[in-house]
Amino acid sequence: MITKDMTIEEILNEDERIADILLNAGMHCLGCPSARSETLEEACQNHEIDCEQILCEINNLV
């Protein structure tokens, strides 16, 4: 199960298909080293994205 406290890198290591969800939500900096160390919650805040919605989509995928 993916949580909002996991880093983007940890999440992408779980299942690379998650990248499509994040990219479609507007997180276009997934390759940036500093972005990969952010938690999902931090990344959502920085991109003004609803974290709970993204988390739900991710966990429905995996």
PDB file of N, CA and C in Angstrom:
ATOM      1  N   MET A   1       0.840  -1.184   0.000  1.00  0.00           N
ATOM      2  CA  MET A   1       0.000   0.000   0.000  1.00  0.00           C
ATOM      3  C   MET A   1       0.881   1.242   0.000  1.00  0.00           C
ATOM      4  N   ILE A   2       0.543   2.171  -0.860  1.00  0.00           N
ATOM      5  CA  ILE A   2       1.260   3.435  -0.965  1.00  0.00           C
ATOM      6  C   ILE A   2       0.655   4.419   0.029  1.00  0.00           C
ATOM      7  N   THR A   3       1.522   5.182   0.707  1.00  0.00           N
ATOM      8  CA  THR A   3       1.055   6.187   1.656  1.00  0.00           C
ATOM      9  C   THR A   3       1.587   7.560   1.266  1.00  0.00           C
ATOM     10  N   LYS A   4       0.973   8.592   1.802  1.00  0.00           N
ATOM     11  CA  LYS A   4       1.386   9.967   1.476  1.00  0.00           C
ATOM     12  C   LYS A   4       2.735  10.318   2.076  1.00  0.00           C
ATOM     13  N   ASP A   5       3.219   9.507   3.019  1.00  0.00           N
ATOM     14  CA  ASP A   5       4.510   9.764   3.651  1.00  0.00           C
ATOM     15  C   ASP A   5       5.679   9.131   2.901  1.00  0.00           C
ATOM     16  N   MET A   6       5.385   8.359   1.878  1.00  0.00           N
ATOM     17  CA  MET A   6       6.441   7.741   1.071  1.00  0.00           C
ATOM     18  C   MET A   6       7.005   8.774   0.099  1.00  0.00           C
ATOM     19  N   THR A   7       8.297   8.651  -0.207  1.00  0.00           N
ATOM     20  CA  THR A   7       8.891   9.565  -1.181  1.00  0.00           C
ATOM     21  C   THR A   7       8.452   9.167  -2.591  1.00  0.00           C
ATOM     22  N   ILE A   8       8.573  10.106  -3.500  1.00  0.00           N
ATOM     23  CA  ILE A   8       8.248   9.831  -4.891  1.00  0.00           C
ATOM     24  C   ILE A   8       9.121   8.681  -5.402  1.00  0.00           C
ATOM     25  N   GLU A   9      10.372   8.675  -5.024  1.00  0.00           N
ATOM     26  CA  GLU A   9      11.270   7.597  -5.455  1.00  0.00           C
ATOM     27  C   GLU A   9      10.781   6.241  -4.943  1.00  0.00           C
ATOM     28  N   GLU A  10      10.399   6.161  -3.677  1.00  0.00           N
ATOM     29  CA  GLU A  10       9.884   4.902  -3.121  1.00  0.00           C
ATOM     30  C   GLU A  10       8.631   4.447  -3.863  1.00  0.00           C
ATOM     31  N   ILE A  11       7.768   5.403  -4.158  1.00  0.00           N
ATOM     32  CA  ILE A  11       6.511   5.090  -4.841  1.00  0.00           C
ATOM     33  C   ILE A  11       6.783   4.563  -6.243  1.00  0.00           C
ATOM     34  N   LEU A  12       7.663   5.230  -6.971  1.00  0.00           N
ATOM     35  CA  LEU A  12       7.974   4.794  -8.333  1.00  0.00           C
ATOM     36  C   LEU A  12       8.681   3.441  -8.349  1.00  0.00           C
ATOM     37  N   ASN A  13       9.419   3.148  -7.290  1.00  0.00           N
ATOM     38  CA  ASN A  13      10.075   1.838  -7.190  1.00  0.00           C
ATOM     39  C   ASN A  13       9.063   0.722  -6.958  1.00  0.00           C
ATOM     40  N   GLU A  14       7.933   1.042  -6.388  1.00  0.00           N
ATOM     41  CA  GLU A  14       6.877   0.045  -6.152  1.00  0.00           C
ATOM     42  C   GLU A  14       6.260  -0.418  -7.477  1.00  0.00           C
ATOM     43  N   ASP A  15       5.996   0.546  -8.358  1.00  0.00           N
ATOM     44  CA  ASP A  15       5.344   0.222  -9.634  1.00  0.00           C
ATOM     45  C   ASP A  15       5.552   1.405 -10.571  1.00  0.00           C
ATOM     46  N   GLU A  16       6.289   1.184 -11.642  1.00  0.00           N
ATOM     47  CA  GLU A  16       6.616   2.299 -12.546  1.00  0.00           C
ATOM     48  C   GLU A  16       5.395   2.858 -13.277  1.00  0.00           C
ATOM     49  N   ARG A  17       4.288   2.129 -13.294  1.00  0.00           N
ATOM     50  CA  ARG A  17       3.061   2.653 -13.921  1.00  0.00           C
ATOM     51  C   ARG A  17       2.498   3.852 -13.160  1.00  0.00           C
ATOM     52  N   ILE A  18       2.915   4.008 -11.912  1.00  0.00           N
ATOM     53  CA  ILE A  18       2.454   5.132 -11.103  1.00  0.00           C
ATOM     54  C   ILE A  18       2.915   6.449 -11.705  1.00  0.00           C
ATOM     55  N   ALA A  19       4.025   6.427 -12.419  1.00  0.00           N
ATOM     56  CA  ALA A  19       4.539   7.648 -13.046  1.00  0.00           C
ATOM     57  C   ALA A  19       3.485   8.278 -13.952  1.00  0.00           C
ATOM     58  N   ASP A  20       2.727   7.470 -14.668  1.00  0.00           N
ATOM     59  CA  ASP A  20       1.684   8.003 -15.551  1.00  0.00           C
ATOM     60  C   ASP A  20       0.623   8.775 -14.768  1.00  0.00           C
ATOM     61  N   ILE A  21       0.250   8.261 -13.613  1.00  0.00           N
ATOM     62  CA  ILE A  21      -0.743   8.950 -12.779  1.00  0.00           C
ATOM     63  C   ILE A  21      -0.183  10.293 -12.329  1.00  0.00           C
ATOM     64  N   LEU A  22       1.051  10.297 -11.869  1.00  0.00           N
ATOM     65  CA  LEU A  22       1.661  11.536 -11.386  1.00  0.00           C
ATOM     66  C   LEU A  22       1.847  12.538 -12.518  1.00  0.00           C
ATOM     67  N   LEU A  23       2.301  12.068 -13.663  1.00  0.00           N
ATOM     68  CA  LEU A  23       2.479  12.963 -14.814  1.00  0.00           C
ATOM     69  C   LEU A  23       1.147  13.552 -15.267  1.00  0.00           C
ATOM     70  N   ASN A  24       0.112  12.725 -15.330  1.00  0.00           N
ATOM     71  CA  ASN A  24      -1.209  13.208 -15.744  1.00  0.00           C
ATOM     72  C   ASN A  24      -1.794  14.213 -14.754  1.00  0.00           C
ATOM     73  N   ALA A  25      -1.364  14.127 -13.496  1.00  0.00           N
ATOM     74  CA  ALA A  25      -1.846  15.061 -12.478  1.00  0.00           C
ATOM     75  C   ALA A  25      -1.105  16.396 -12.530  1.00  0.00           C
ATOM     76  N   GLY A  26       0.001  16.444 -13.293  1.00  0.00           N
ATOM     77  CA  GLY A  26       0.744  17.699 -13.422  1.00  0.00           C
ATOM     78  C   GLY A  26       2.121  17.693 -12.782  1.00  0.00           C
ATOM     79  N   MET A  27       2.562  16.544 -12.301  1.00  0.00           N
ATOM     80  CA  MET A  27       3.900  16.450 -11.717  1.00  0.00           C
ATOM     81  C   MET A  27       4.876  16.063 -12.823  1.00  0.00           C
ATOM     82  N   HIS A  28       5.378  17.068 -13.526  1.00  0.00           N
ATOM     83  CA  HIS A  28       6.230  16.830 -14.689  1.00  0.00           C
ATOM     84  C   HIS A  28       7.718  16.818 -14.352  1.00  0.00           C
ATOM     85  N   CYS A  29       8.042  16.861 -13.083  1.00  0.00           N
ATOM     86  CA  CYS A  29       9.463  16.915 -12.686  1.00  0.00           C
ATOM     87  C   CYS A  29       9.887  15.645 -11.966  1.00  0.00           C
ATOM     88  N   LEU A  30       9.355  14.507 -12.353  1.00  0.00           N
ATOM     89  CA  LEU A  30       9.649  13.247 -11.671  1.00  0.00           C
ATOM     90  C   LEU A  30      11.114  12.852 -11.757  1.00  0.00           C
ATOM     91  N   GLY A  31      11.812  13.286 -12.777  1.00  0.00           N
ATOM     92  CA  GLY A  31      13.212  12.937 -12.935  1.00  0.00           C
ATOM     93  C   GLY A  31      14.153  13.812 -12.137  1.00  0.00           C
ATOM     94  N   CYS A  32      13.647  14.881 -11.591  1.00  0.00           N
ATOM     95  CA  CYS A  32      14.474  15.814 -10.817  1.00  0.00           C
ATOM     96  C   CYS A  32      14.901  15.152  -9.509  1.00  0.00           C
ATOM     97  N   PRO A  33      16.191  15.151  -9.201  1.00  0.00           N
ATOM     98  CA  PRO A  33      16.661  14.491  -7.971  1.00  0.00           C
ATOM     99  C   PRO A  33      15.981  15.004  -6.697  1.00  0.00           C
ATOM    100  N   SER A  34      15.768  16.300  -6.598  1.00  0.00           N
ATOM    101  CA  SER A  34      15.138  16.823  -5.377  1.00  0.00           C
ATOM    102  C   SER A  34      13.667  16.443  -5.309  1.00  0.00           C
ATOM    103  N   ALA A  35      13.008  16.358  -6.444  1.00  0.00           N
ATOM    104  CA  ALA A  35      11.593  15.983  -6.455  1.00  0.00           C
ATOM    105  C   ALA A  35      11.408  14.542  -6.011  1.00  0.00           C
ATOM    106  N   ARG A  36      12.336  13.684  -6.365  1.00  0.00           N
ATOM    107  CA  ARG A  36      12.211  12.266  -6.021  1.00  0.00           C
ATOM    108  C   ARG A  36      12.378  12.032  -4.520  1.00  0.00           C
ATOM    109  N   SER A  37      12.984  12.991  -3.812  1.00  0.00           N
ATOM    110  CA  SER A  37      13.154  12.831  -2.366  1.00  0.00           C
ATOM    111  C   SER A  37      11.989  13.436  -1.577  1.00  0.00           C
ATOM    112  N   GLU A  38      11.070  14.097  -2.269  1.00  0.00           N
ATOM    113  CA  GLU A  38       9.882  14.633  -1.608  1.00  0.00           C
ATOM    114  C   GLU A  38       8.910  13.506  -1.294  1.00  0.00           C
ATOM    115  N   THR A  39       8.115  13.695  -0.250  1.00  0.00           N
ATOM    116  CA  THR A  39       7.035  12.750  -0.011  1.00  0.00           C
ATOM    117  C   THR A  39       5.913  13.060  -1.001  1.00  0.00           C
ATOM    118  N   LEU A  40       5.014  12.115  -1.147  1.00  0.00           N
ATOM    119  CA  LEU A  40       3.864  12.350  -2.020  1.00  0.00           C
ATOM    120  C   LEU A  40       3.083  13.558  -1.531  1.00  0.00           C
ATOM    121  N   GLU A  41       2.910  13.669  -0.238  1.00  0.00           N
ATOM    122  CA  GLU A  41       2.170  14.801   0.327  1.00  0.00           C
ATOM    123  C   GLU A  41       2.849  16.125  -0.004  1.00  0.00           C
ATOM    124  N   GLU A  42       4.173  16.197   0.122  1.00  0.00           N
ATOM    125  CA  GLU A  42       4.907  17.425  -0.195  1.00  0.00           C
ATOM    126  C   GLU A  42       4.789  17.760  -1.676  1.00  0.00           C
ATOM    127  N   ALA A  43       4.932  16.756  -2.522  1.00  0.00           N
ATOM    128  CA  ALA A  43       4.843  16.977  -3.965  1.00  0.00           C
ATOM    129  C   ALA A  43       3.452  17.488  -4.342  1.00  0.00           C
ATOM    130  N   CYS A  44       2.427  16.912  -3.747  1.00  0.00           N
ATOM    131  CA  CYS A  44       1.062  17.363  -4.031  1.00  0.00           C
ATOM    132  C   CYS A  44       0.863  18.806  -3.584  1.00  0.00           C
ATOM    133  N   GLN A  45       1.377  19.138  -2.414  1.00  0.00           N
ATOM    134  CA  GLN A  45       1.271  20.516  -1.933  1.00  0.00           C
ATOM    135  C   GLN A  45       1.982  21.478  -2.876  1.00  0.00           C
ATOM    136  N   ASN A  46       3.168  21.105  -3.322  1.00  0.00           N
ATOM    137  CA  ASN A  46       3.945  21.969  -4.216  1.00  0.00           C
ATOM    138  C   ASN A  46       3.275  22.166  -5.569  1.00  0.00           C
ATOM    139  N   HIS A  47       2.470  21.205  -5.992  1.00  0.00           N
ATOM    140  CA  HIS A  47       1.805  21.290  -7.291  1.00  0.00           C
ATOM    141  C   HIS A  47       0.312  21.600  -7.171  1.00  0.00           C
ATOM    142  N   GLU A  48      -0.122  21.883  -5.921  1.00  0.00           N
ATOM    143  CA  GLU A  48      -1.532  22.206  -5.653  1.00  0.00           C
ATOM    144  C   GLU A  48      -2.466  21.114  -6.185  1.00  0.00           C
ATOM    145  N   ILE A  49      -2.132  19.871  -5.838  1.00  0.00           N
ATOM    146  CA  ILE A  49      -2.885  18.699  -6.260  1.00  0.00           C
ATOM    147  C   ILE A  49      -3.487  18.049  -5.018  1.00  0.00           C
ATOM    148  N   ASP A  50      -4.699  17.534  -5.148  1.00  0.00           N
ATOM    149  CA  ASP A  50      -5.374  16.849  -4.053  1.00  0.00           C
ATOM    150  C   ASP A  50      -4.663  15.523  -3.763  1.00  0.00           C
ATOM    151  N   CYS A  51      -3.971  15.455  -2.660  1.00  0.00           N
ATOM    152  CA  CYS A  51      -3.170  14.283  -2.310  1.00  0.00           C
ATOM    153  C   CYS A  51      -4.047  13.047  -2.129  1.00  0.00           C
ATOM    154  N   GLU A  52      -5.174  13.197  -1.486  1.00  0.00           N
ATOM    155  CA  GLU A  52      -6.040  12.038  -1.232  1.00  0.00           C
ATOM    156  C   GLU A  52      -6.566  11.429  -2.536  1.00  0.00           C
ATOM    157  N   GLN A  53      -6.859  12.278  -3.501  1.00  0.00           N
ATOM    158  CA  GLN A  53      -7.343  11.789  -4.794  1.00  0.00           C
ATOM    159  C   GLN A  53      -6.246  11.007  -5.520  1.00  0.00           C
ATOM    160  N   ILE A  54      -5.043  11.560  -5.550  1.00  0.00           N
ATOM    161  CA  ILE A  54      -3.913  10.893  -6.204  1.00  0.00           C
ATOM    162  C   ILE A  54      -3.595   9.578  -5.487  1.00  0.00           C
ATOM    163  N   LEU A  55      -3.622   9.610  -4.176  1.00  0.00           N
ATOM    164  CA  LEU A  55      -3.350   8.411  -3.389  1.00  0.00           C
ATOM    165  C   LEU A  55      -4.365   7.315  -3.693  1.00  0.00           C
ATOM    166  N   CYS A  56      -5.608   7.689  -3.823  1.00  0.00           N
ATOM    167  CA  CYS A  56      -6.652   6.744  -4.158  1.00  0.00           C
ATOM    168  C   CYS A  56      -6.405   6.127  -5.549  1.00  0.00           C
ATOM    169  N   GLU A  57      -6.087   6.972  -6.533  1.00  0.00           N
ATOM    170  CA  GLU A  57      -5.803   6.480  -7.889  1.00  0.00           C
ATOM    171  C   GLU A  57      -4.619   5.513  -7.876  1.00  0.00           C
ATOM    172  N   ILE A  58      -3.576   5.866  -7.151  1.00  0.00           N
ATOM    173  CA  ILE A  58      -2.375   5.023  -7.095  1.00  0.00           C
ATOM    174  C   ILE A  58      -2.708   3.667  -6.460  1.00  0.00           C
ATOM    175  N   ASN A  59      -3.393   3.699  -5.336  1.00  0.00           N
ATOM    176  CA  ASN A  59      -3.682   2.446  -4.643  1.00  0.00           C
ATOM    177  C   ASN A  59      -4.699   1.592  -5.369  1.00  0.00           C
ATOM    178  N   ASN A  60      -5.511   2.192  -6.217  1.00  0.00           N
ATOM    179  CA  ASN A  60      -6.398   1.405  -7.056  1.00  0.00           C
ATOM    180  C   ASN A  60      -5.628   0.703  -8.171  1.00  0.00           C
ATOM    181  N   LEU A  61      -4.488   1.264  -8.548  1.00  0.00           N
ATOM    182  CA  LEU A  61      -3.661   0.695  -9.600  1.00  0.00           C
ATOM    183  C   LEU A  61      -2.828  -0.476  -9.091  1.00  0.00           C
ATOM    184  N   VAL A  62      -2.269  -0.297  -7.898  1.00  0.00           N
ATOM    185  CA  VAL A  62      -1.332  -1.322  -7.388  1.00  0.00           C
ATOM    186  C   VAL A  62      -1.986  -2.349  -6.510  1.00  0.00           C
TER     187      VAL A  62
END
